Amino acid sequence: MISYDPLWKTMERKGETTYTLINKHGINPRTINNLKHGKSITLYTLERLCTILDCQAEDIVLFVPEA
């Protein structure tokens, strides 16, 4: 299972909001909706988020093995 919990913590630490991701950085609102609902994103989106937030992939997504 994929968790985006690290993303929300990274965004808070970096002073970014979903509003700024959409309006300042051009992230599609549908992508934000996918993130909020734990749905998949593309590697391209992951790379863009890493660039915007100046972080690594593990600061955005966490793989949680299902028991």
PDB file of N, CA and C in Angstrom:
ATOM      1  N   MET A   1       0.843  -1.174   0.000  1.00  0.00           N
ATOM      2  CA  MET A   1       0.000   0.000   0.000  1.00  0.00           C
ATOM      3  C   MET A   1       0.893   1.245   0.000  1.00  0.00           C
ATOM      4  N   ILE A   2       0.429   2.286  -0.659  1.00  0.00           N
ATOM      5  CA  ILE A   2       1.175   3.531  -0.753  1.00  0.00           C
ATOM      6  C   ILE A   2       0.580   4.558   0.203  1.00  0.00           C
ATOM      7  N   SER A   3       1.447   5.263   0.912  1.00  0.00           N
ATOM      8  CA  SER A   3       1.013   6.333   1.807  1.00  0.00           C
ATOM      9  C   SER A   3       1.715   7.627   1.418  1.00  0.00           C
ATOM     10  N   TYR A   4       0.962   8.694   1.363  1.00  0.00           N
ATOM     11  CA  TYR A   4       1.535  10.004   1.067  1.00  0.00           C
ATOM     12  C   TYR A   4       1.694  10.846   2.332  1.00  0.00           C
ATOM     13  N   ASP A   5       1.634  10.216   3.499  1.00  0.00           N
ATOM     14  CA  ASP A   5       1.816  10.946   4.754  1.00  0.00           C
ATOM     15  C   ASP A   5       3.111  11.758   4.781  1.00  0.00           C
ATOM     16  N   PRO A   6       4.222  11.202   4.266  1.00  0.00           N
ATOM     17  CA  PRO A   6       5.447  12.005   4.269  1.00  0.00           C
ATOM     18  C   PRO A   6       5.312  13.299   3.450  1.00  0.00           C
ATOM     19  N   LEU A   7       4.503  13.272   2.388  1.00  0.00           N
ATOM     20  CA  LEU A   7       4.308  14.457   1.556  1.00  0.00           C
ATOM     21  C   LEU A   7       3.729  15.606   2.367  1.00  0.00           C
ATOM     22  N   TRP A   8       2.673  15.322   3.125  1.00  0.00           N
ATOM     23  CA  TRP A   8       1.999  16.396   3.871  1.00  0.00           C
ATOM     24  C   TRP A   8       2.933  16.991   4.919  1.00  0.00           C
ATOM     25  N   LYS A   9       3.767  16.160   5.527  1.00  0.00           N
ATOM     26  CA  LYS A   9       4.742  16.660   6.507  1.00  0.00           C
ATOM     27  C   LYS A   9       5.819  17.494   5.818  1.00  0.00           C
ATOM     28  N   THR A  10       6.275  17.037   4.659  1.00  0.00           N
ATOM     29  CA  THR A  10       7.291  17.774   3.902  1.00  0.00           C
ATOM     30  C   THR A  10       6.734  19.115   3.439  1.00  0.00           C
ATOM     31  N   MET A  11       5.501  19.119   2.954  1.00  0.00           N
ATOM     32  CA  MET A  11       4.884  20.369   2.510  1.00  0.00           C
ATOM     33  C   MET A  11       4.789  21.363   3.660  1.00  0.00           C
ATOM     34  N   GLU A  12       4.397  20.890   4.826  1.00  0.00           N
ATOM     35  CA  GLU A  12       4.294  21.770   5.991  1.00  0.00           C
ATOM     36  C   GLU A  12       5.663  22.338   6.358  1.00  0.00           C
ATOM     37  N   ARG A  13       6.660  21.477   6.356  1.00  0.00           N
ATOM     38  CA  ARG A  13       8.019  21.894   6.689  1.00  0.00           C
ATOM     39  C   ARG A  13       8.565  22.918   5.697  1.00  0.00           C
ATOM     40  N   LYS A  14       8.189  22.770   4.419  1.00  0.00           N
ATOM     41  CA  LYS A  14       8.691  23.652   3.356  1.00  0.00           C
ATOM     42  C   LYS A  14       7.789  24.869   3.131  1.00  0.00           C
ATOM     43  N   GLY A  15       6.668  24.942   3.848  1.00  0.00           N
ATOM     44  CA  GLY A  15       5.774  26.082   3.714  1.00  0.00           C
ATOM     45  C   GLY A  15       4.954  26.082   2.431  1.00  0.00           C
ATOM     46  N   GLU A  16       4.697  24.918   1.885  1.00  0.00           N
ATOM     47  CA  GLU A  16       3.881  24.790   0.666  1.00  0.00           C
ATOM     48  C   GLU A  16       2.496  24.262   1.051  1.00  0.00           C
ATOM     49  N   THR A  17       1.500  24.658   0.273  1.00  0.00           N
ATOM     50  CA  THR A  17       0.135  24.171   0.456  1.00  0.00           C
ATOM     51  C   THR A  17      -0.346  23.569  -0.858  1.00  0.00           C
ATOM     52  N   THR A  18      -1.476  22.894  -0.806  1.00  0.00           N
ATOM     53  CA  THR A  18      -2.031  22.380  -2.051  1.00  0.00           C
ATOM     54  C   THR A  18      -2.377  23.542  -2.981  1.00  0.00           C
ATOM     55  N   TYR A  19      -2.786  24.667  -2.418  1.00  0.00           N
ATOM     56  CA  TYR A  19      -3.089  25.856  -3.219  1.00  0.00           C
ATOM     57  C   TYR A  19      -1.860  26.306  -4.000  1.00  0.00           C
ATOM     58  N   THR A  20      -0.698  26.385  -3.334  1.00  0.00           N
ATOM     59  CA  THR A  20       0.509  26.833  -4.035  1.00  0.00           C
ATOM     60  C   THR A  20       0.976  25.795  -5.048  1.00  0.00           C
ATOM     61  N   LEU A  21       0.789  24.516  -4.741  1.00  0.00           N
ATOM     62  CA  LEU A  21       1.172  23.487  -5.714  1.00  0.00           C
ATOM     63  C   LEU A  21       0.364  23.644  -6.993  1.00  0.00           C
ATOM     64  N   ILE A  22      -0.914  23.937  -6.837  1.00  0.00           N
ATOM     65  CA  ILE A  22      -1.785  24.095  -8.008  1.00  0.00           C
ATOM     66  C   ILE A  22      -1.516  25.419  -8.722  1.00  0.00           C
ATOM     67  N   ASN A  23      -1.562  26.518  -7.989  1.00  0.00           N
ATOM     68  CA  ASN A  23      -1.550  27.844  -8.611  1.00  0.00           C
ATOM     69  C   ASN A  23      -0.162  28.412  -8.883  1.00  0.00           C
ATOM     70  N   LYS A  24       0.813  28.063  -8.092  1.00  0.00           N
ATOM     71  CA  LYS A  24       2.169  28.580  -8.304  1.00  0.00           C
ATOM     72  C   LYS A  24       3.014  27.626  -9.149  1.00  0.00           C
ATOM     73  N   HIS A  25       2.830  26.330  -8.916  1.00  0.00           N
ATOM     74  CA  HIS A  25       3.702  25.341  -9.559  1.00  0.00           C
ATOM     75  C   HIS A  25       3.029  24.543 -10.673  1.00  0.00           C
ATOM     76  N   GLY A  26       1.731  24.749 -10.893  1.00  0.00           N
ATOM     77  CA  GLY A  26       1.050  24.115 -12.020  1.00  0.00           C
ATOM     78  C   GLY A  26       0.709  22.644 -11.856  1.00  0.00           C
ATOM     79  N   ILE A  27       0.649  22.166 -10.619  1.00  0.00           N
ATOM     80  CA  ILE A  27       0.234  20.782 -10.399  1.00  0.00           C
ATOM     81  C   ILE A  27      -1.281  20.702 -10.638  1.00  0.00           C
ATOM     82  N   ASN A  28      -1.708  19.693 -11.381  1.00  0.00           N
ATOM     83  CA  ASN A  28      -3.115  19.530 -11.719  1.00  0.00           C
ATOM     84  C   ASN A  28      -3.938  19.246 -10.457  1.00  0.00           C
ATOM     85  N   PRO A  29      -5.078  19.922 -10.297  1.00  0.00           N
ATOM     86  CA  PRO A  29      -5.934  19.653  -9.133  1.00  0.00           C
ATOM     87  C   PRO A  29      -6.345  18.188  -9.014  1.00  0.00           C
ATOM     88  N   ARG A  30      -6.474  17.499 -10.129  1.00  0.00           N
ATOM     89  CA  ARG A  30      -6.808  16.070 -10.092  1.00  0.00           C
ATOM     90  C   ARG A  30      -5.678  15.277  -9.428  1.00  0.00           C
ATOM     91  N   THR A  31      -4.442  15.703  -9.664  1.00  0.00           N
ATOM     92  CA  THR A  31      -3.302  15.046  -9.030  1.00  0.00           C
ATOM     93  C   THR A  31      -3.362  15.237  -7.518  1.00  0.00           C
ATOM     94  N   ILE A  32      -3.691  16.441  -7.080  1.00  0.00           N
ATOM     95  CA  ILE A  32      -3.835  16.708  -5.643  1.00  0.00           C
ATOM     96  C   ILE A  32      -4.931  15.816  -5.065  1.00  0.00           C
ATOM     97  N   ASN A  33      -6.032  15.677  -5.786  1.00  0.00           N
ATOM     98  CA  ASN A  33      -7.115  14.803  -5.343  1.00  0.00           C
ATOM     99  C   ASN A  33      -6.637  13.354  -5.229  1.00  0.00           C
ATOM    100  N   ASN A  34      -5.855  12.897  -6.208  1.00  0.00           N
ATOM    101  CA  ASN A  34      -5.306  11.535  -6.144  1.00  0.00           C
ATOM    102  C   ASN A  34      -4.420  11.364  -4.916  1.00  0.00           C
ATOM    103  N   LEU A  35      -3.602  12.363  -4.635  1.00  0.00           N
ATOM    104  CA  LEU A  35      -2.722  12.293  -3.466  1.00  0.00           C
ATOM    105  C   LEU A  35      -3.533  12.230  -2.173  1.00  0.00           C
ATOM    106  N   LYS A  36      -4.552  13.051  -2.084  1.00  0.00           N
ATOM    107  CA  LYS A  36      -5.379  13.089  -0.875  1.00  0.00           C
ATOM    108  C   LYS A  36      -6.113  11.778  -0.642  1.00  0.00           C
ATOM    109  N   HIS A  37      -6.401  11.066  -1.724  1.00  0.00           N
ATOM    110  CA  HIS A  37      -7.153   9.815  -1.607  1.00  0.00           C
ATOM    111  C   HIS A  37      -6.281   8.570  -1.755  1.00  0.00           C
ATOM    112  N   GLY A  38      -4.963   8.751  -1.698  1.00  0.00           N
ATOM    113  CA  GLY A  38      -4.051   7.608  -1.714  1.00  0.00           C
ATOM    114  C   GLY A  38      -3.987   6.869  -3.032  1.00  0.00           C
ATOM    115  N   LYS A  39      -4.332   7.544  -4.120  1.00  0.00           N
ATOM    116  CA  LYS A  39      -4.286   6.906  -5.436  1.00  0.00           C
ATOM    117  C   LYS A  39      -2.904   7.086  -6.049  1.00  0.00           C
ATOM    118  N   SER A  40      -2.660   6.391  -7.134  1.00  0.00           N
ATOM    119  CA  SER A  40      -1.337   6.419  -7.743  1.00  0.00           C
ATOM    120  C   SER A  40      -1.067   7.731  -8.471  1.00  0.00           C
ATOM    121  N   ILE A  41       0.218   8.058  -8.568  1.00  0.00           N
ATOM    122  CA  ILE A  41       0.683   9.191  -9.362  1.00  0.00           C
ATOM    123  C   ILE A  41       1.788   8.679 -10.274  1.00  0.00           C
ATOM    124  N   THR A  42       2.119   9.442 -11.280  1.00  0.00           N
ATOM    125  CA  THR A  42       3.180   9.025 -12.200  1.00  0.00           C
ATOM    126  C   THR A  42       4.544   9.358 -11.613  1.00  0.00           C
ATOM    127  N   LEU A  43       5.569   8.714 -12.150  1.00  0.00           N
ATOM    128  CA  LEU A  43       6.931   9.044 -11.736  1.00  0.00           C
ATOM    129  C   LEU A  43       7.285  10.471 -12.137  1.00  0.00           C
ATOM    130  N   TYR A  44       6.715  10.940 -13.238  1.00  0.00           N
ATOM    131  CA  TYR A  44       6.924  12.319 -13.653  1.00  0.00           C
ATOM    132  C   TYR A  44       6.409  13.285 -12.575  1.00  0.00           C
ATOM    133  N   THR A  45       5.229  13.003 -12.033  1.00  0.00           N
ATOM    134  CA  THR A  45       4.669  13.838 -10.971  1.00  0.00           C
ATOM    135  C   THR A  45       5.522  13.752  -9.723  1.00  0.00           C
ATOM    136  N   LEU A  46       5.960  12.558  -9.390  1.00  0.00           N
ATOM    137  CA  LEU A  46       6.834  12.391  -8.231  1.00  0.00           C
ATOM    138  C   LEU A  46       8.109  13.216  -8.400  1.00  0.00           C
ATOM    139  N   GLU A  47       8.684  13.187  -9.583  1.00  0.00           N
ATOM    140  CA  GLU A  47       9.888  13.968  -9.862  1.00  0.00           C
ATOM    141  C   GLU A  47       9.607  15.464  -9.735  1.00  0.00           C
ATOM    142  N   ARG A  48       8.474  15.911 -10.265  1.00  0.00           N
ATOM    143  CA  ARG A  48       8.115  17.337 -10.161  1.00  0.00           C
ATOM    144  C   ARG A  48       7.955  17.756  -8.709  1.00  0.00           C
ATOM    145  N   LEU A  49       7.278  16.924  -7.913  1.00  0.00           N
ATOM    146  CA  LEU A  49       7.094  17.248  -6.501  1.00  0.00           C
ATOM    147  C   LEU A  49       8.431  17.301  -5.778  1.00  0.00           C
ATOM    148  N   CYS A  50       9.327  16.371  -6.099  1.00  0.00           N
ATOM    149  CA  CYS A  50      10.665  16.379  -5.496  1.00  0.00           C
ATOM    150  C   CYS A  50      11.413  17.665  -5.847  1.00  0.00           C
ATOM    151  N   THR A  51      11.282  18.105  -7.086  1.00  0.00           N
ATOM    152  CA  THR A  51      11.945  19.330  -7.521  1.00  0.00           C
ATOM    153  C   THR A  51      11.338  20.547  -6.821  1.00  0.00           C
ATOM    154  N   ILE A  52      10.025  20.630  -6.797  1.00  0.00           N
ATOM    155  CA  ILE A  52       9.337  21.759  -6.165  1.00  0.00           C
ATOM    156  C   ILE A  52       9.682  21.847  -4.684  1.00  0.00           C
ATOM    157  N   LEU A  53       9.658  20.699  -4.012  1.00  0.00           N
ATOM    158  CA  LEU A  53       9.869  20.683  -2.564  1.00  0.00           C
ATOM    159  C   LEU A  53      11.331  20.497  -2.175  1.00  0.00           C
ATOM    160  N   ASP A  54      12.205  20.360  -3.173  1.00  0.00           N
ATOM    161  CA  ASP A  54      13.636  20.151  -2.932  1.00  0.00           C
ATOM    162  C   ASP A  54      13.844  19.022  -1.923  1.00  0.00           C
ATOM    163  N   CYS A  55      13.362  17.838  -2.312  1.00  0.00           N
ATOM    164  CA  CYS A  55      13.429  16.689  -1.414  1.00  0.00           C
ATOM    165  C   CYS A  55      13.630  15.411  -2.211  1.00  0.00           C
ATOM    166  N   GLN A  56      13.654  14.293  -1.530  1.00  0.00           N
ATOM    167  CA  GLN A  56      13.801  12.977  -2.142  1.00  0.00           C
ATOM    168  C   GLN A  56      12.444  12.271  -2.164  1.00  0.00           C
ATOM    169  N   ALA A  57      12.340  11.215  -2.946  1.00  0.00           N
ATOM    170  CA  ALA A  57      11.083  10.474  -3.087  1.00  0.00           C
ATOM    171  C   ALA A  57      10.558   9.982  -1.741  1.00  0.00           C
ATOM    172  N   GLU A  58      11.439   9.581  -0.855  1.00  0.00           N
ATOM    173  CA  GLU A  58      10.987   9.076   0.453  1.00  0.00           C
ATOM    174  C   GLU A  58      10.388  10.172   1.333  1.00  0.00           C
ATOM    175  N   ASP A  59      10.576  11.434   0.937  1.00  0.00           N
ATOM    176  CA  ASP A  59       9.936  12.551   1.633  1.00  0.00           C
ATOM    177  C   ASP A  59       8.529  12.793   1.116  1.00  0.00           C
ATOM    178  N   ILE A  60       8.105  12.017   0.122  1.00  0.00           N
ATOM    179  CA  ILE A  60       6.794  12.187  -0.488  1.00  0.00           C
ATOM    180  C   ILE A  60       5.939  10.937  -0.353  1.00  0.00           C
ATOM    181  N   VAL A  61       6.538   9.796  -0.585  1.00  0.00           N
ATOM    182  CA  VAL A  61       5.750   8.562  -0.606  1.00  0.00           C
ATOM    183  C   VAL A  61       6.407   7.502   0.274  1.00  0.00           C
ATOM    184  N   LEU A  62       5.550   6.688   0.881  1.00  0.00           N
ATOM    185  CA  LEU A  62       6.009   5.609   1.745  1.00  0.00           C
ATOM    186  C   LEU A  62       5.290   4.331   1.345  1.00  0.00           C
ATOM    187  N   PHE A  63       6.044   3.275   1.166  1.00  0.00           N
ATOM    188  CA  PHE A  63       5.460   1.980   0.862  1.00  0.00           C
ATOM    189  C   PHE A  63       5.209   1.250   2.180  1.00  0.00           C
ATOM    190  N   VAL A  64       3.948   0.885   2.401  1.00  0.00           N
ATOM    191  CA  VAL A  64       3.559   0.179   3.615  1.00  0.00           C
ATOM    192  C   VAL A  64       3.108  -1.220   3.209  1.00  0.00           C
ATOM    193  N   PRO A  65       3.919  -2.240   3.510  1.00  0.00           N
ATOM    194  CA  PRO A  65       3.517  -3.602   3.153  1.00  0.00           C
ATOM    195  C   PRO A  65       2.212  -3.997   3.838  1.00  0.00           C
ATOM    196  N   GLU A  66       1.346  -4.666   3.086  1.00  0.00           N
ATOM    197  CA  GLU A  66       0.089  -5.129   3.667  1.00  0.00           C
ATOM    198  C   GLU A  66       0.347  -6.413   4.418  1.00  0.00           C
ATOM    199  N   ALA A  67      -0.280  -6.522   5.556  1.00  0.00           N
ATOM    200  CA  ALA A  67      -0.054  -7.692   6.406  1.00  0.00           C
ATOM    201  C   ALA A  67      -0.800  -8.902   5.926  1.00  0.00           C
TER     202      ALA A  67
END
